[in-house]
Amino acid sequence: MAELKYAKDGHLIFTKEMKKEYKILAPNMLPIHFELIRNIFVNEGYDMELLQTTGPNIVSEGLQNVHNDTCYPCLLVVGQFIDALKSGKYDPNKTALIITQTGGGCRASNYIHLLRKALHKAGFDQVPVISLNLSGLEHNSGFKLSLGLLLKLISALLYGDMLMLLANQIRPYETQPGAADQNVTKWIGILAGYYKKSSGFSMKEMEKTFRAMIEDFAKIPFVRTPKIKVGIVGEIYVKYSPLANNNLEQFLFREGAEVIVPGLLDFILFKFDNRLVDIDLYGGNPVKYKVVGLLKNYMLRAQKVYIQTLKESGVFDAPADFETIKKMVKPFIGYGAKMGEGWLLTAEMVELVHSGVENVVCAQPFGCLPNHIVGKGMIRKIRNEMPHANIVAIDYDPGATKVNQENRLKLMLATAKDRMQEQEREQKKTRLQVRVKEEKEPIAVHE
């Protein structure tokens, strides 16, 4: 059995010996992306499992082990971990947990400390917690990010964004229900095979794979019918996690909407951009600045390839790139708003409305002050500039009922439906006027 070692601050370190013996549990924020990431770590020799658990026990454990004034995502993540350890499915003496840390001003950077405190309270002091971060916040001898591993993870972000986009744009219109989801599962398996061979993550390979994905999804039989398009923005965990947002995407899909969810890569680019701005303003390590700049430029180039392949398809709508979104939001909010999702959240709402997705759900977790400022707090400003924007803020917390959330969503959808019907009437009226005008005009006779 691996010997327990502790850092200077007292936290338990995940060692090289533990890598061979321990199972690592991870929260499942994005089902597609995180499954790809899990496959990468499995091929690196880690025994990793994504937690798929749901139910009231998770919230209950969170409330018991975390202060109830903390944000809802933290409560769910900690609750899911504690619930798993108490389930009897895992040996606490050979189980580790992994959690991301951005290193920013959001309280999410402190989840790891709250988690360790909760583990102590629940009697699981022997369970190490791994910090997945690029900020040098914590180091574990048994868990390290090499450049090759980092490039694989970046490719997983892009592949995850692509599969999510393709499935969301096909699913509401497919004539064979479930075909898009079957394609997603198939491609996760294909990508797992690439990663096992340590391939599929170079720029050239990604471009080739993007095109193959697009061609495969375009083959799915579908019929375009008028649908209400709804975008989802918000705090990153509640925005993406079905556990946190009560299966928001599935609900909107069942209500007959096409769902548009901005990709995860923009958030990662936003975080890298913040690091560069901080060093520009306050100074910092020039080596770190160069490395961060190189990684950001690499991701921007990869994103351009991603977007270009979608545009060339002629079938799927492509999102705007990060730099375009950043310029687009400038009249609405300053770039100094960087806590949590910062100006990016406002930018995503603006870009969605600008692209024709006028109906937007802003998912707000309890206790997330930055989200309320850059999300709900910016709705009026956006409506003043874009009167056709139909944005609704939905709160998610332990006391919020699913019925109330869905009723508010239905009200937003009803407004969207009325507007769509009004637009259809106006279009019919315009076509009729054109036809009448053409019939009244005399036919020119040429001798």
Protein backbone atom coordinates (compact mmCIF):
# COMPACT_ATOMS: atom_id res chain seq x y z
CA MET A 1 0.00 0.00 0.00
CA ALA A 2 1.28 3.48 -0.90
CA GLU A 3 2.80 5.50 1.92
CA LEU A 4 0.88 8.67 2.79
CA LYS A 5 2.89 11.84 2.27
CA TYR A 6 1.89 15.40 3.14
CA ALA A 7 2.80 18.81 1.73
CA LYS A 8 4.07 21.66 3.91
CA ASP A 9 0.56 23.09 4.23
CA GLY A 10 -0.68 19.71 5.52
CA HIS A 11 -2.64 18.42 2.53
CA LEU A 12 -2.23 14.82 1.40
CA ILE A 13 -0.12 14.41 -1.75
CA PHE A 14 -1.04 12.10 -4.63
CA THR A 15 2.21 10.17 -5.13
CA LYS A 16 3.70 8.06 -7.94
CA GLU A 17 2.87 4.91 -5.95
CA MET A 18 -0.76 5.99 -5.73
CA LYS A 19 -0.94 6.32 -9.52
CA LYS A 20 -0.44 2.55 -9.76
CA GLU A 21 -2.93 1.60 -7.02
CA TYR A 22 -5.63 4.29 -6.78
CA LYS A 23 -8.86 4.93 -8.66
CA ILE A 24 -9.42 8.63 -9.37
CA LEU A 25 -13.00 9.93 -9.24
CA ALA A 26 -13.91 13.02 -11.29
CA PRO A 27 -17.09 15.12 -11.42
CA ASN A 28 -18.85 15.04 -14.80
CA MET A 29 -19.48 18.65 -15.85
CA LEU A 30 -19.60 18.05 -19.62
CA PRO A 31 -20.49 14.45 -20.54
CA ILE A 32 -18.81 14.52 -23.98
CA HIS A 33 -15.71 16.57 -23.17
CA PHE A 34 -14.99 14.87 -19.86
CA GLU A 35 -15.32 11.38 -21.34
CA LEU A 36 -12.69 12.33 -23.93
CA ILE A 37 -10.48 13.73 -21.18
CA ARG A 38 -10.97 10.58 -19.11
CA ASN A 39 -9.83 8.46 -22.06
CA ILE A 40 -6.67 10.56 -22.34
CA PHE A 41 -5.80 10.06 -18.67
CA VAL A 42 -6.56 6.34 -18.86
CA ASN A 43 -4.05 6.06 -21.71
CA GLU A 44 -1.55 7.93 -19.50
CA GLY A 45 -1.84 5.14 -16.92
CA TYR A 46 -4.44 6.63 -14.56
CA ASP A 47 -7.48 4.65 -13.40
CA MET A 48 -10.10 7.40 -13.72
CA GLU A 49 -13.89 7.25 -13.49
CA LEU A 50 -16.48 9.96 -14.14
CA LEU A 51 -19.24 10.14 -11.55
CA GLN A 52 -22.65 9.76 -13.20
CA THR A 53 -24.67 9.76 -9.97
CA THR A 54 -27.77 11.91 -9.48
CA GLY A 55 -30.48 12.20 -6.84
CA PRO A 56 -31.28 14.06 -3.62
CA ASN A 57 -28.45 12.36 -1.68
CA ILE A 58 -25.91 14.54 -3.49
CA VAL A 59 -27.53 17.80 -2.42
CA SER A 60 -28.05 16.41 1.10
CA GLU A 61 -24.37 15.47 1.46
CA GLY A 62 -23.36 18.86 0.13
CA LEU A 63 -25.54 20.70 2.61
CA GLN A 64 -24.22 18.59 5.47
CA ASN A 65 -20.54 19.01 4.63
CA VAL A 66 -20.28 22.50 3.10
CA HIS A 67 -21.47 25.81 4.53
CA ASN A 68 -24.87 26.54 3.01
CA ASP A 69 -23.78 30.03 1.95
CA THR A 70 -21.23 28.66 -0.50
CA CYS A 71 -22.06 28.51 -4.19
CA TYR A 72 -24.30 25.76 -5.55
CA PRO A 73 -21.68 24.18 -7.90
CA CYS A 74 -19.31 23.66 -4.95
CA LEU A 75 -22.10 22.13 -2.91
CA LEU A 76 -22.92 19.68 -5.73
CA VAL A 77 -19.32 18.70 -6.50
CA VAL A 78 -18.48 18.08 -2.84
CA GLY A 79 -21.80 16.34 -2.27
CA GLN A 80 -21.25 14.03 -5.24
CA PHE A 81 -17.78 13.08 -4.02
CA ILE A 82 -18.90 12.38 -0.44
CA ASP A 83 -21.93 10.44 -1.68
CA ALA A 84 -19.66 8.27 -3.85
CA LEU A 85 -17.25 7.55 -0.99
CA LYS A 86 -20.14 6.59 1.29
CA SER A 87 -21.77 4.37 -1.34
CA GLY A 88 -19.49 1.40 -0.60
CA LYS A 89 -18.58 1.09 -4.28
CA TYR A 90 -15.07 2.46 -3.74
CA ASP A 91 -12.31 1.64 -1.24
CA PRO A 92 -11.54 4.96 0.53
CA ASN A 93 -8.00 3.72 1.17
CA LYS A 94 -7.35 3.43 -2.56
CA THR A 95 -9.44 6.25 -3.97
CA ALA A 96 -8.41 9.78 -4.96
CA LEU A 97 -10.46 12.74 -6.17
CA ILE A 98 -9.61 15.27 -8.88
CA ILE A 99 -10.88 18.81 -9.23
CA THR A 100 -9.94 21.75 -11.47
CA GLN A 101 -8.58 25.07 -10.21
CA THR A 102 -8.40 28.12 -12.47
CA GLY A 103 -6.45 30.23 -10.01
CA GLY A 104 -8.71 33.22 -10.64
CA GLY A 105 -10.72 35.33 -8.22
CA CYS A 106 -13.77 33.05 -8.32
CA ARG A 107 -14.44 30.94 -5.25
CA ALA A 108 -14.08 27.90 -7.51
CA SER A 109 -10.33 28.15 -6.90
CA ASN A 110 -11.07 27.39 -3.24
CA TYR A 111 -13.32 24.37 -3.86
CA ILE A 112 -10.36 22.11 -3.21
CA HIS A 113 -9.90 23.48 0.31
CA LEU A 114 -13.63 23.19 1.04
CA LEU A 115 -13.54 19.63 -0.32
CA ARG A 116 -10.65 18.64 1.97
CA LYS A 117 -12.45 20.16 4.92
CA ALA A 118 -15.58 18.18 3.99
CA LEU A 119 -13.55 14.97 3.66
CA HIS A 120 -12.18 15.50 7.15
CA LYS A 121 -15.66 16.13 8.52
CA ALA A 122 -17.02 12.98 6.82
CA GLY A 123 -14.14 10.81 8.06
CA PHE A 124 -12.19 10.44 4.81
CA ASP A 125 -8.87 12.07 5.68
CA GLN A 126 -7.00 9.29 3.85
CA VAL A 127 -8.45 10.34 0.45
CA PRO A 128 -6.06 12.61 -1.52
CA VAL A 129 -7.39 15.41 -3.73
CA ILE A 130 -5.59 16.22 -6.99
CA SER A 131 -5.60 19.78 -8.29
CA LEU A 132 -5.83 19.99 -12.10
CA ASN A 133 -4.46 23.46 -12.81
CA LEU A 134 -2.07 25.39 -15.04
CA SER A 135 -1.30 28.05 -12.44
CA GLY A 136 1.16 26.12 -10.29
CA LEU A 137 -1.24 26.19 -7.33
CA GLU A 138 -0.40 22.66 -6.17
CA HIS A 139 1.98 19.91 -7.25
CA ASN A 140 1.61 16.14 -6.97
CA SER A 141 4.46 13.78 -7.83
CA GLY A 142 1.98 11.22 -9.16
CA PHE A 143 0.10 13.65 -11.40
CA LYS A 144 1.91 15.91 -13.84
CA LEU A 145 0.93 17.75 -17.03
CA SER A 146 3.50 17.39 -19.82
CA LEU A 147 3.34 19.43 -23.04
CA GLY A 148 2.20 16.36 -24.98
CA LEU A 149 -0.57 15.68 -22.47
CA LEU A 150 -1.60 19.33 -22.57
CA LEU A 151 -1.92 19.28 -26.37
CA LYS A 152 -4.08 16.16 -26.13
CA LEU A 153 -6.33 17.91 -23.59
CA ILE A 154 -6.67 20.93 -25.89
CA SER A 155 -7.70 18.63 -28.73
CA ALA A 156 -10.31 17.06 -26.42
CA LEU A 157 -11.79 20.51 -25.80
CA LEU A 158 -12.10 21.13 -29.53
CA TYR A 159 -13.46 17.67 -30.33
CA GLY A 160 -15.92 17.97 -27.46
CA ASP A 161 -17.10 21.38 -28.70
CA MET A 162 -17.49 20.00 -32.22
CA LEU A 163 -19.49 16.93 -31.17
CA MET A 164 -21.70 19.03 -28.89
CA LEU A 165 -22.39 21.54 -31.67
CA LEU A 166 -23.08 18.95 -34.37
CA ALA A 167 -25.40 16.91 -32.14
CA ASN A 168 -27.34 19.99 -31.01
CA GLN A 169 -27.84 21.20 -34.58
CA ILE A 170 -29.01 17.79 -35.86
CA ARG A 171 -30.95 16.36 -32.91
CA PRO A 172 -34.14 18.53 -33.21
CA TYR A 173 -34.48 17.76 -36.93
CA GLU A 174 -33.36 14.12 -37.27
CA THR A 175 -35.89 11.72 -38.80
CA GLN A 176 -34.39 8.79 -36.88
CA PRO A 177 -34.59 9.73 -33.16
CA GLY A 178 -31.35 9.05 -31.34
CA ALA A 179 -29.16 9.05 -34.47
CA ALA A 180 -27.16 12.13 -33.39
CA ASP A 181 -26.52 10.68 -29.93
CA GLN A 182 -25.40 7.39 -31.49
CA ASN A 183 -22.93 9.32 -33.62
CA VAL A 184 -21.57 11.07 -30.53
CA THR A 185 -20.98 7.72 -28.81
CA LYS A 186 -19.34 6.34 -31.95
CA TRP A 187 -16.95 9.27 -32.25
CA ILE A 188 -15.99 9.16 -28.57
CA GLY A 189 -14.91 5.58 -29.24
CA ILE A 190 -13.01 6.56 -32.40
CA LEU A 191 -11.18 9.36 -30.58
CA ALA A 192 -10.36 7.02 -27.70
CA GLY A 193 -8.64 4.82 -30.29
CA TYR A 194 -6.67 7.80 -31.60
CA TYR A 195 -5.49 8.74 -28.12
CA LYS A 196 -4.51 5.14 -27.38
CA LYS A 197 -2.15 5.35 -30.37
CA SER A 198 -1.03 8.83 -29.23
CA SER A 199 -2.41 10.40 -32.41
CA GLY A 200 -5.25 12.70 -33.45
CA PHE A 201 -4.10 15.81 -31.60
CA SER A 202 -1.84 17.59 -34.11
CA MET A 203 -3.29 20.56 -36.02
CA LYS A 204 -3.35 18.64 -39.30
CA GLU A 205 -4.96 15.57 -37.70
CA MET A 206 -7.59 17.70 -35.96
CA GLU A 207 -8.57 19.39 -39.22
CA LYS A 208 -8.93 15.99 -40.92
CA THR A 209 -10.99 14.65 -38.01
CA PHE A 210 -13.22 17.74 -37.92
CA ARG A 211 -14.10 17.22 -41.58
CA ALA A 212 -14.80 13.53 -41.02
CA MET A 213 -17.08 14.34 -38.07
CA ILE A 214 -18.99 16.96 -40.06
CA GLU A 215 -19.45 14.62 -43.03
CA ASP A 216 -20.67 11.83 -40.75
CA PHE A 217 -23.26 13.99 -38.98
CA ALA A 218 -24.38 15.53 -42.29
CA LYS A 219 -25.29 12.02 -43.48
CA ILE A 220 -27.92 11.69 -40.73
CA PRO A 221 -31.38 12.07 -42.35
CA PHE A 222 -32.96 15.30 -41.11
CA VAL A 223 -35.66 17.77 -42.12
CA ARG A 224 -35.32 21.46 -41.31
CA THR A 225 -38.57 22.74 -39.83
CA PRO A 226 -39.17 26.05 -38.03
CA LYS A 227 -37.78 25.71 -34.49
CA ILE A 228 -37.24 28.13 -31.65
CA LYS A 229 -33.50 28.54 -31.09
CA VAL A 230 -32.42 28.89 -27.46
CA GLY A 231 -28.91 29.66 -26.26
CA ILE A 232 -27.59 28.65 -22.84
CA VAL A 233 -25.05 30.76 -20.97
CA GLY A 234 -24.12 31.17 -17.31
CA GLU A 235 -21.72 30.01 -14.64
CA ILE A 236 -19.63 27.28 -16.24
CA TYR A 237 -20.73 24.32 -14.08
CA VAL A 238 -24.46 25.14 -14.04
CA LYS A 239 -24.32 26.05 -17.73
CA TYR A 240 -23.02 22.63 -18.77
CA SER A 241 -23.78 20.08 -16.03
CA PRO A 242 -27.10 18.19 -16.34
CA LEU A 243 -26.87 17.50 -12.59
CA ALA A 244 -26.67 21.21 -11.79
CA ASN A 245 -29.23 22.57 -14.28
CA ASN A 246 -31.84 19.81 -13.95
CA ASN A 247 -31.19 18.53 -17.48
CA LEU A 248 -31.86 21.94 -19.01
CA GLU A 249 -30.82 20.93 -22.54
CA GLN A 250 -33.09 17.88 -22.52
CA PHE A 251 -36.02 19.96 -21.27
CA LEU A 252 -35.61 22.55 -24.04
CA PHE A 253 -35.23 19.78 -26.62
CA ARG A 254 -38.44 18.11 -25.43
CA GLU A 255 -40.18 21.49 -25.73
CA GLY A 256 -39.27 21.53 -29.43
CA ALA A 257 -36.33 23.95 -29.32
CA GLU A 258 -32.93 23.84 -30.95
CA VAL A 259 -30.34 24.36 -28.23
CA ILE A 260 -27.15 26.34 -28.79
CA VAL A 261 -24.44 26.05 -26.13
CA PRO A 262 -21.20 28.05 -26.51
CA GLY A 263 -18.13 25.83 -26.48
CA LEU A 264 -15.73 25.26 -23.60
CA LEU A 265 -12.69 26.44 -25.56
CA ASP A 266 -13.79 30.09 -25.33
CA PHE A 267 -13.73 29.85 -21.53
CA ILE A 268 -10.20 28.41 -21.57
CA LEU A 269 -9.09 31.16 -23.97
CA PHE A 270 -10.71 33.72 -21.68
CA LYS A 271 -8.64 32.43 -18.75
CA PHE A 272 -5.41 32.51 -20.78
CA ASP A 273 -6.24 36.01 -22.01
CA ASN A 274 -6.72 37.14 -18.40
CA ARG A 275 -3.26 35.85 -17.44
CA LEU A 276 -1.66 37.87 -20.23
CA VAL A 277 -3.59 41.02 -19.32
CA ASP A 278 -2.59 40.67 -15.66
CA ILE A 279 1.09 40.42 -16.54
CA ASP A 280 0.78 43.40 -18.92
CA LEU A 281 -0.78 45.52 -16.17
CA TYR A 282 1.00 44.36 -13.04
CA GLY A 283 4.15 42.63 -14.25
CA GLY A 284 5.13 39.00 -13.88
CA ASN A 285 7.35 36.20 -15.02
CA PRO A 286 8.37 36.83 -18.68
CA VAL A 287 8.84 33.08 -19.27
CA LYS A 288 5.30 32.36 -18.04
CA TYR A 289 4.02 35.21 -20.25
CA LYS A 290 5.67 33.70 -23.32
CA VAL A 291 4.41 30.17 -22.60
CA VAL A 292 0.85 31.36 -21.94
CA GLY A 293 0.96 33.48 -25.11
CA LEU A 294 2.15 30.54 -27.21
CA LEU A 295 -0.58 28.26 -25.86
CA LYS A 296 -3.24 30.92 -26.43
CA ASN A 297 -2.10 31.48 -30.03
CA TYR A 298 -2.07 27.72 -30.62
CA MET A 299 -5.67 27.44 -29.40
CA LEU A 300 -6.72 30.45 -31.51
CA ARG A 301 -5.24 28.81 -34.62
CA ALA A 302 -6.98 25.54 -33.79
CA GLN A 303 -10.26 27.39 -33.26
CA LYS A 304 -9.97 29.04 -36.69
CA VAL A 305 -9.53 25.61 -38.29
CA TYR A 306 -12.53 24.36 -36.32
CA ILE A 307 -14.72 27.28 -37.46
CA GLN A 308 -13.54 27.18 -41.07
CA THR A 309 -14.41 23.50 -41.48
CA LEU A 310 -17.92 24.21 -40.21
CA LYS A 311 -18.38 27.15 -42.60
CA GLU A 312 -17.18 25.10 -45.56
CA SER A 313 -19.69 22.34 -44.77
CA GLY A 314 -22.65 24.46 -45.86
CA VAL A 315 -24.79 22.42 -43.45
CA PHE A 316 -23.88 23.59 -39.96
CA ASP A 317 -23.79 27.05 -38.40
CA ALA A 318 -20.37 28.10 -37.10
CA PRO A 319 -19.85 30.21 -33.96
CA ALA A 320 -17.80 33.41 -33.89
CA ASP A 321 -14.16 33.10 -32.85
CA PHE A 322 -12.85 34.31 -29.49
CA GLU A 323 -11.28 37.55 -30.75
CA THR A 324 -14.49 38.52 -32.58
CA ILE A 325 -16.58 37.89 -29.48
CA LYS A 326 -14.17 39.97 -27.40
CA LYS A 327 -14.51 42.93 -29.78
CA MET A 328 -18.27 42.50 -29.95
CA VAL A 329 -18.74 42.92 -26.17
CA LYS A 330 -16.61 46.06 -25.86
CA PRO A 331 -19.58 48.52 -25.99
CA PHE A 332 -21.34 46.59 -23.21
CA ILE A 333 -18.81 45.84 -20.46
CA GLY A 334 -15.16 46.46 -19.62
CA TYR A 335 -12.48 43.79 -19.91
CA GLY A 336 -11.64 44.37 -16.25
CA ALA A 337 -14.71 42.31 -15.30
CA LYS A 338 -12.80 39.04 -14.96
CA MET A 339 -14.15 37.29 -11.88
CA GLY A 340 -15.86 33.99 -12.60
CA GLU A 341 -16.96 33.99 -16.24
CA GLY A 342 -16.42 37.77 -16.35
CA TRP A 343 -17.03 39.68 -19.55
CA LEU A 344 -17.17 36.39 -21.49
CA LEU A 345 -20.64 35.63 -20.09
CA THR A 346 -21.96 38.98 -21.35
CA ALA A 347 -20.13 38.41 -24.63
CA GLU A 348 -21.79 35.04 -25.15
CA MET A 349 -25.25 36.60 -24.71
CA VAL A 350 -24.40 39.41 -27.13
CA GLU A 351 -22.95 37.02 -29.73
CA LEU A 352 -25.95 34.69 -29.53
CA VAL A 353 -28.47 37.51 -30.03
CA HIS A 354 -26.32 39.04 -32.78
CA SER A 355 -26.21 35.69 -34.62
CA GLY A 356 -30.01 35.38 -34.57
CA VAL A 357 -30.41 33.31 -31.42
CA GLU A 358 -32.60 35.86 -29.65
CA ASN A 359 -33.79 33.55 -26.87
CA VAL A 360 -31.21 33.02 -24.16
CA VAL A 361 -31.24 31.24 -20.78
CA CYS A 362 -28.76 32.62 -18.25
CA ALA A 363 -28.19 29.86 -15.66
CA GLN A 364 -27.35 31.42 -12.30
CA PRO A 365 -26.18 29.39 -9.31
CA PHE A 366 -26.95 30.48 -5.79
CA GLY A 367 -24.14 32.48 -4.21
CA CYS A 368 -22.29 33.36 -7.43
CA LEU A 369 -21.89 37.13 -7.16
CA PRO A 370 -19.83 37.60 -10.38
CA ASN A 371 -22.45 35.70 -12.39
CA HIS A 372 -25.24 37.94 -11.14
CA ILE A 373 -23.28 41.03 -12.18
CA VAL A 374 -22.04 39.97 -15.62
CA GLY A 375 -25.11 37.81 -16.30
CA LYS A 376 -28.41 39.01 -14.87
CA GLY A 377 -26.96 42.48 -14.26
CA MET A 378 -26.26 42.98 -17.97
CA ILE A 379 -29.62 41.84 -19.36
CA ARG A 380 -31.18 45.32 -19.31
CA LYS A 381 -28.13 46.84 -21.05
CA ILE A 382 -28.32 44.19 -23.77
CA ARG A 383 -32.07 44.69 -24.22
CA ASN A 384 -31.57 48.46 -24.52
CA GLU A 385 -29.15 47.90 -27.39
CA MET A 386 -30.89 44.84 -28.82
CA PRO A 387 -34.65 45.17 -28.09
CA HIS A 388 -35.43 41.80 -29.71
CA ALA A 389 -33.36 39.92 -27.10
CA ASN A 390 -35.52 37.49 -25.08
CA ILE A 391 -33.30 36.64 -22.11
CA VAL A 392 -34.38 34.90 -18.92
CA ALA A 393 -32.24 34.37 -15.80
CA ILE A 394 -32.91 31.08 -14.00
CA ASP A 395 -31.65 30.50 -10.46
CA TYR A 396 -30.32 27.07 -9.47
CA ASP A 397 -29.83 26.26 -5.79
CA PRO A 398 -30.90 23.66 -3.21
CA GLY A 399 -34.14 25.51 -2.49
CA ALA A 400 -35.17 26.18 -6.10
CA THR A 401 -37.84 23.82 -7.42
CA LYS A 402 -37.66 22.26 -10.85
CA VAL A 403 -41.32 23.18 -11.45
CA ASN A 404 -40.67 26.89 -10.95
CA GLN A 405 -37.60 26.77 -13.17
CA GLU A 406 -39.48 25.01 -15.97
CA ASN A 407 -42.46 27.38 -15.68
CA ARG A 408 -40.15 30.35 -16.23
CA LEU A 409 -38.57 28.59 -19.18
CA LYS A 410 -42.00 27.86 -20.66
CA LEU A 411 -42.91 31.54 -20.36
CA MET A 412 -39.75 32.47 -22.26
CA LEU A 413 -40.54 29.85 -24.91
CA ALA A 414 -44.12 31.13 -25.21
CA THR A 415 -42.81 34.64 -25.88
CA ALA A 416 -40.39 33.21 -28.45
CA LYS A 417 -43.18 31.27 -30.15
CA ASP A 418 -45.39 34.36 -30.38
CA ARG A 419 -42.53 36.30 -31.97
CA MET A 420 -41.80 33.51 -34.45
CA GLN A 421 -45.48 33.37 -35.48
CA GLU A 422 -45.55 37.15 -35.87
CA GLN A 423 -42.46 37.00 -38.08
CA GLU A 424 -44.08 34.28 -40.20
CA ARG A 425 -47.22 36.43 -40.62
CA GLU A 426 -45.10 39.42 -41.64
CA GLN A 427 -43.19 37.31 -44.17
CA LYS A 428 -46.44 35.98 -45.66
CA LYS A 429 -47.81 39.50 -45.85
CA THR A 430 -44.67 40.73 -47.60
CA ARG A 431 -44.75 37.86 -50.10
CA LEU A 432 -48.43 38.53 -50.81
CA GLN A 433 -47.78 42.24 -51.40
CA VAL A 434 -44.96 41.43 -53.82
CA ARG A 435 -47.16 38.98 -55.72
CA VAL A 436 -50.06 41.46 -55.98
CA LYS A 437 -47.69 44.16 -57.19
CA GLU A 438 -46.30 41.85 -59.86
CA GLU A 439 -49.81 40.93 -61.06
CA LYS A 440 -50.85 44.61 -61.35
CA GLU A 441 -47.79 45.69 -63.31
CA PRO A 442 -48.46 45.72 -67.08
CA ILE A 443 -46.53 43.27 -69.17
CA ALA A 444 -44.10 45.04 -71.46
CA VAL A 445 -44.64 44.27 -75.15
CA HIS A 446 -41.59 44.49 -77.35
CA GLU A 447 -42.05 44.94 -81.09
